[in-house]
Amino acid sequence: MTISDIDRKILHELQMNCRQSSATIGEKVGLSPSACHRRIGLLEDKGLIERYAARLNGRKLGFAMTFYVEVTLEGQSEAILSAFEKAALSRPEVLECHLMTGQADYLIKVAAPDTADYERIYRRTIAALPHVSGIQSSLVMKTVKRWSGYPAL
């Protein structure tokens, strides 16, 4: 898909602050408010903009610990992968879930207020997912750089 330079600038502005008005973004990228609004609508229609959301501060919300959990399944058949994915999608404690290449089948991200709560998540959520044969957890000690958008937009 080809993206124009103006559209890239609009996408960059939305990544930095999606609460900006079309007039503000238009001013920054050299478009009128109506032209900018129309282009944003087209970017939404094309699926380049999936949704708008606020980025919350997990620590301030009480989630002091973040874990990345590698999960290995007992097999890789379509039925096993589908059952695991369906169950992972239904668990609110699972913040992210990625099918991976390499040693583990999936990488899951979870947050917890403390190790006792993570143990609860580990036992009742992750280990209880269907077809799990192995779990390897890693605690995030410090986040050096948070995701802030795709580069070169």
C-alpha atoms as a PDB file:
ATOM      1  CA  MET A   1       0.000   0.000   0.000  1.00  0.00           C
ATOM      2  CA  THR A   2       1.399   3.384  -0.983  1.00  0.00           C
ATOM      3  CA  ILE A   3       1.116   6.119   1.617  1.00  0.00           C
ATOM      4  CA  SER A   4       1.612   9.760   0.613  1.00  0.00           C
ATOM      5  CA  ASP A   5       3.966  12.042   2.513  1.00  0.00           C
ATOM      6  CA  ILE A   6       0.995  14.069   3.799  1.00  0.00           C
ATOM      7  CA  ASP A   7      -0.717  10.911   5.062  1.00  0.00           C
ATOM      8  CA  ARG A   8       2.515   9.839   6.780  1.00  0.00           C
ATOM      9  CA  LYS A   9       2.667  13.204   8.536  1.00  0.00           C
ATOM     10  CA  ILE A  10      -0.978  12.874   9.597  1.00  0.00           C
ATOM     11  CA  LEU A  11      -0.342   9.361  10.940  1.00  0.00           C
ATOM     12  CA  HIS A  12       2.720  10.597  12.820  1.00  0.00           C
ATOM     13  CA  GLU A  13       0.726  13.405  14.423  1.00  0.00           C
ATOM     14  CA  LEU A  14      -2.041  10.996  15.431  1.00  0.00           C
ATOM     15  CA  GLN A  15       0.497   8.589  16.948  1.00  0.00           C
ATOM     16  CA  MET A  16       1.960  11.405  19.039  1.00  0.00           C
ATOM     17  CA  ASN A  17      -1.427  12.736  20.171  1.00  0.00           C
ATOM     18  CA  CYS A  18      -4.677  11.413  18.739  1.00  0.00           C
ATOM     19  CA  ARG A  19      -6.693  14.038  20.629  1.00  0.00           C
ATOM     20  CA  GLN A  20      -5.487  16.821  18.333  1.00  0.00           C
ATOM     21  CA  SER A  21      -8.205  18.410  16.236  1.00  0.00           C
ATOM     22  CA  SER A  22      -8.238  18.090  12.465  1.00  0.00           C
ATOM     23  CA  ALA A  23      -7.559  21.829  12.346  1.00  0.00           C
ATOM     24  CA  THR A  24      -4.403  21.461  14.467  1.00  0.00           C
ATOM     25  CA  ILE A  25      -3.130  18.482  12.489  1.00  0.00           C
ATOM     26  CA  GLY A  26      -4.014  20.175   9.208  1.00  0.00           C
ATOM     27  CA  GLU A  27      -2.040  23.249  10.218  1.00  0.00           C
ATOM     28  CA  LYS A  28       1.007  21.091  10.993  1.00  0.00           C
ATOM     29  CA  VAL A  29       0.858  19.158   7.709  1.00  0.00           C
ATOM     30  CA  GLY A  30      -0.275  21.944   5.393  1.00  0.00           C
ATOM     31  CA  LEU A  31      -3.952  21.086   4.879  1.00  0.00           C
ATOM     32  CA  SER A  32      -7.232  22.813   5.623  1.00  0.00           C
ATOM     33  CA  PRO A  33      -9.219  21.376   8.543  1.00  0.00           C
ATOM     34  CA  SER A  34     -11.815  19.833   6.192  1.00  0.00           C
ATOM     35  CA  ALA A  35      -9.189  18.281   3.898  1.00  0.00           C
ATOM     36  CA  CYS A  36      -7.349  16.882   6.914  1.00  0.00           C
ATOM     37  CA  HIS A  37     -10.570  15.477   8.390  1.00  0.00           C
ATOM     38  CA  ARG A  38     -11.406  13.828   5.048  1.00  0.00           C
ATOM     39  CA  ARG A  39      -7.944  12.253   4.786  1.00  0.00           C
ATOM     40  CA  ILE A  40      -8.130  10.932   8.346  1.00  0.00           C
ATOM     41  CA  GLY A  41     -11.457   9.320   7.436  1.00  0.00           C
ATOM     42  CA  LEU A  42      -9.866   7.686   4.392  1.00  0.00           C
ATOM     43  CA  LEU A  43      -6.968   6.392   6.524  1.00  0.00           C
ATOM     44  CA  GLU A  44      -9.536   4.891   8.904  1.00  0.00           C
ATOM     45  CA  ASP A  45     -11.481   3.344   5.990  1.00  0.00           C
ATOM     46  CA  LYS A  46      -8.285   1.774   4.611  1.00  0.00           C
ATOM     47  CA  GLY A  47      -7.561   0.245   8.031  1.00  0.00           C
ATOM     48  CA  LEU A  48      -4.317   2.170   8.601  1.00  0.00           C
ATOM     49  CA  ILE A  49      -5.926   3.620  11.729  1.00  0.00           C
ATOM     50  CA  GLU A  50      -7.480   0.775  13.697  1.00  0.00           C
ATOM     51  CA  ARG A  51      -8.708   2.711  16.731  1.00  0.00           C
ATOM     52  CA  TYR A  52      -7.957   5.550  19.106  1.00  0.00           C
ATOM     53  CA  ALA A  53      -6.872   4.868  22.682  1.00  0.00           C
ATOM     54  CA  ALA A  54      -5.291   6.410  25.756  1.00  0.00           C
ATOM     55  CA  ARG A  55      -1.938   5.084  26.950  1.00  0.00           C
ATOM     56  CA  LEU A  56      -2.267   4.478  30.669  1.00  0.00           C
ATOM     57  CA  ASN A  57       0.467   4.401  33.294  1.00  0.00           C
ATOM     58  CA  GLY A  58       0.434   0.860  34.672  1.00  0.00           C
ATOM     59  CA  ARG A  59       2.582   1.671  37.703  1.00  0.00           C
ATOM     60  CA  LYS A  60       0.295   4.501  38.795  1.00  0.00           C
ATOM     61  CA  LEU A  61      -2.669   2.147  38.357  1.00  0.00           C
ATOM     62  CA  GLY A  62      -1.064  -0.338  40.739  1.00  0.00           C
ATOM     63  CA  PHE A  63       0.552  -2.716  38.252  1.00  0.00           C
ATOM     64  CA  ALA A  64       4.106  -2.455  39.567  1.00  0.00           C
ATOM     65  CA  MET A  65       5.363  -5.574  37.783  1.00  0.00           C
ATOM     66  CA  THR A  66       5.333  -6.578  34.127  1.00  0.00           C
ATOM     67  CA  PHE A  67       6.143 -10.107  32.987  1.00  0.00           C
ATOM     68  CA  TYR A  68       6.807 -11.588  29.580  1.00  0.00           C
ATOM     69  CA  VAL A  69       5.867 -15.237  29.582  1.00  0.00           C
ATOM     70  CA  GLU A  70       7.035 -17.742  26.980  1.00  0.00           C
ATOM     71  CA  VAL A  71       4.517 -20.543  26.575  1.00  0.00           C
ATOM     72  CA  THR A  72       5.210 -23.849  24.867  1.00  0.00           C
ATOM     73  CA  LEU A  73       2.303 -26.020  23.786  1.00  0.00           C
ATOM     74  CA  GLU A  74       2.074 -29.794  23.620  1.00  0.00           C
ATOM     75  CA  GLY A  75       1.670 -29.611  19.852  1.00  0.00           C
ATOM     76  CA  GLN A  76       1.212 -27.221  16.940  1.00  0.00           C
ATOM     77  CA  SER A  77      -1.880 -28.570  15.216  1.00  0.00           C
ATOM     78  CA  GLU A  78      -4.520 -26.097  14.093  1.00  0.00           C
ATOM     79  CA  ALA A  79      -6.899 -27.379  16.780  1.00  0.00           C
ATOM     80  CA  ILE A  80      -4.331 -26.895  19.576  1.00  0.00           C
ATOM     81  CA  LEU A  81      -3.294 -23.412  18.397  1.00  0.00           C
ATOM     82  CA  SER A  82      -6.907 -22.313  17.961  1.00  0.00           C
ATOM     83  CA  ALA A  83      -7.962 -23.595  21.387  1.00  0.00           C
ATOM     84  CA  PHE A  84      -5.037 -21.826  23.054  1.00  0.00           C
ATOM     85  CA  GLU A  85      -5.660 -18.543  21.208  1.00  0.00           C
ATOM     86  CA  LYS A  86      -9.389 -18.572  21.945  1.00  0.00           C
ATOM     87  CA  ALA A  87      -8.715 -19.111  25.656  1.00  0.00           C
ATOM     88  CA  ALA A  88      -5.956 -16.457  25.779  1.00  0.00           C
ATOM     89  CA  LEU A  89      -8.266 -13.913  24.137  1.00  0.00           C
ATOM     90  CA  SER A  90     -10.859 -14.473  26.857  1.00  0.00           C
ATOM     91  CA  ARG A  91      -8.479 -13.796  29.775  1.00  0.00           C
ATOM     92  CA  PRO A  92      -8.324 -10.124  30.807  1.00  0.00           C
ATOM     93  CA  GLU A  93      -4.982 -10.703  32.579  1.00  0.00           C
ATOM     94  CA  VAL A  94      -3.390 -11.456  29.192  1.00  0.00           C
ATOM     95  CA  LEU A  95      -2.437  -7.993  27.939  1.00  0.00           C
ATOM     96  CA  GLU A  96      -0.771  -9.224  24.750  1.00  0.00           C
ATOM     97  CA  CYS A  97      -0.337 -12.613  23.126  1.00  0.00           C
ATOM     98  CA  HIS A  98       1.901 -13.301  20.139  1.00  0.00           C
ATOM     99  CA  LEU A  99       2.469 -16.492  18.128  1.00  0.00           C
ATOM    100  CA  MET A 100       6.250 -16.735  17.866  1.00  0.00           C
ATOM    101  CA  THR A 101       9.035 -18.450  15.999  1.00  0.00           C
ATOM    102  CA  GLY A 102      11.849 -19.993  18.019  1.00  0.00           C
ATOM    103  CA  GLN A 103      11.779 -22.109  21.175  1.00  0.00           C
ATOM    104  CA  ALA A 104       8.439 -20.964  22.609  1.00  0.00           C
ATOM    105  CA  ASP A 105       5.151 -21.038  20.742  1.00  0.00           C
ATOM    106  CA  TYR A 106       3.649 -17.894  22.295  1.00  0.00           C
ATOM    107  CA  LEU A 107       4.839 -14.798  24.104  1.00  0.00           C
ATOM    108  CA  ILE A 108       2.361 -13.357  26.598  1.00  0.00           C
ATOM    109  CA  LYS A 109       2.563 -10.039  28.424  1.00  0.00           C
ATOM    110  CA  VAL A 110       0.934  -9.679  31.848  1.00  0.00           C
ATOM    111  CA  ALA A 111       1.053  -7.052  34.595  1.00  0.00           C
ATOM    112  CA  ALA A 112       0.564  -7.542  38.317  1.00  0.00           C
ATOM    113  CA  PRO A 113       0.749  -5.434  41.471  1.00  0.00           C
ATOM    114  CA  ASP A 114       3.143  -7.880  43.160  1.00  0.00           C
ATOM    115  CA  THR A 115       4.624 -11.374  42.966  1.00  0.00           C
ATOM    116  CA  ALA A 116       1.728 -12.916  44.915  1.00  0.00           C
ATOM    117  CA  ASP A 117      -0.726 -11.680  42.302  1.00  0.00           C
ATOM    118  CA  TYR A 118       1.563 -12.858  39.500  1.00  0.00           C
ATOM    119  CA  GLU A 119       1.628 -16.304  41.106  1.00  0.00           C
ATOM    120  CA  ARG A 120      -2.182 -16.288  41.010  1.00  0.00           C
ATOM    121  CA  ILE A 121      -2.121 -15.300  37.312  1.00  0.00           C
ATOM    122  CA  TYR A 122       0.541 -17.941  36.629  1.00  0.00           C
ATOM    123  CA  ARG A 123      -1.423 -20.739  38.296  1.00  0.00           C
ATOM    124  CA  ARG A 124      -5.019 -19.847  37.455  1.00  0.00           C
ATOM    125  CA  THR A 125      -4.651 -18.193  34.085  1.00  0.00           C
ATOM    126  CA  ILE A 126      -1.477 -19.090  32.190  1.00  0.00           C
ATOM    127  CA  ALA A 127      -1.002 -22.674  33.405  1.00  0.00           C
ATOM    128  CA  ALA A 128      -4.750 -23.260  32.989  1.00  0.00           C
ATOM    129  CA  LEU A 129      -4.724 -22.347  29.293  1.00  0.00           C
ATOM    130  CA  PRO A 130      -5.350 -25.392  27.104  1.00  0.00           C
ATOM    131  CA  HIS A 131      -2.456 -27.529  25.846  1.00  0.00           C
ATOM    132  CA  VAL A 132       0.294 -25.696  27.797  1.00  0.00           C
ATOM    133  CA  SER A 133       3.341 -27.911  28.306  1.00  0.00           C
ATOM    134  CA  GLY A 134       5.933 -25.334  29.390  1.00  0.00           C
ATOM    135  CA  ILE A 135       6.109 -21.830  30.856  1.00  0.00           C
ATOM    136  CA  GLN A 136       9.127 -19.537  31.194  1.00  0.00           C
ATOM    137  CA  SER A 137       8.559 -16.157  32.883  1.00  0.00           C
ATOM    138  CA  SER A 138      10.747 -13.055  32.749  1.00  0.00           C
ATOM    139  CA  LEU A 139      10.230 -10.021  34.979  1.00  0.00           C
ATOM    140  CA  VAL A 140      10.758  -6.603  33.441  1.00  0.00           C
ATOM    141  CA  MET A 141      13.161  -4.819  35.803  1.00  0.00           C
ATOM    142  CA  LYS A 142      13.154  -1.487  33.962  1.00  0.00           C
ATOM    143  CA  THR A 143      11.580  -0.196  30.781  1.00  0.00           C
ATOM    144  CA  VAL A 144      14.223   1.750  28.914  1.00  0.00           C
ATOM    145  CA  LYS A 145      11.976   2.737  26.006  1.00  0.00           C
ATOM    146  CA  ARG A 146       8.229   2.356  25.720  1.00  0.00           C
ATOM    147  CA  TRP A 147       6.574   1.840  22.379  1.00  0.00           C
ATOM    148  CA  SER A 148       5.556   5.224  21.038  1.00  0.00           C
ATOM    149  CA  GLY A 149       4.585   4.467  17.469  1.00  0.00           C
ATOM    150  CA  TYR A 150       5.990   3.192  14.232  1.00  0.00           C
ATOM    151  CA  PRO A 151       9.158   4.903  12.997  1.00  0.00           C
ATOM    152  CA  ALA A 152       9.594   6.989   9.854  1.00  0.00           C
ATOM    153  CA  LEU A 153       6.073   8.325   9.666  1.00  0.00           C
END
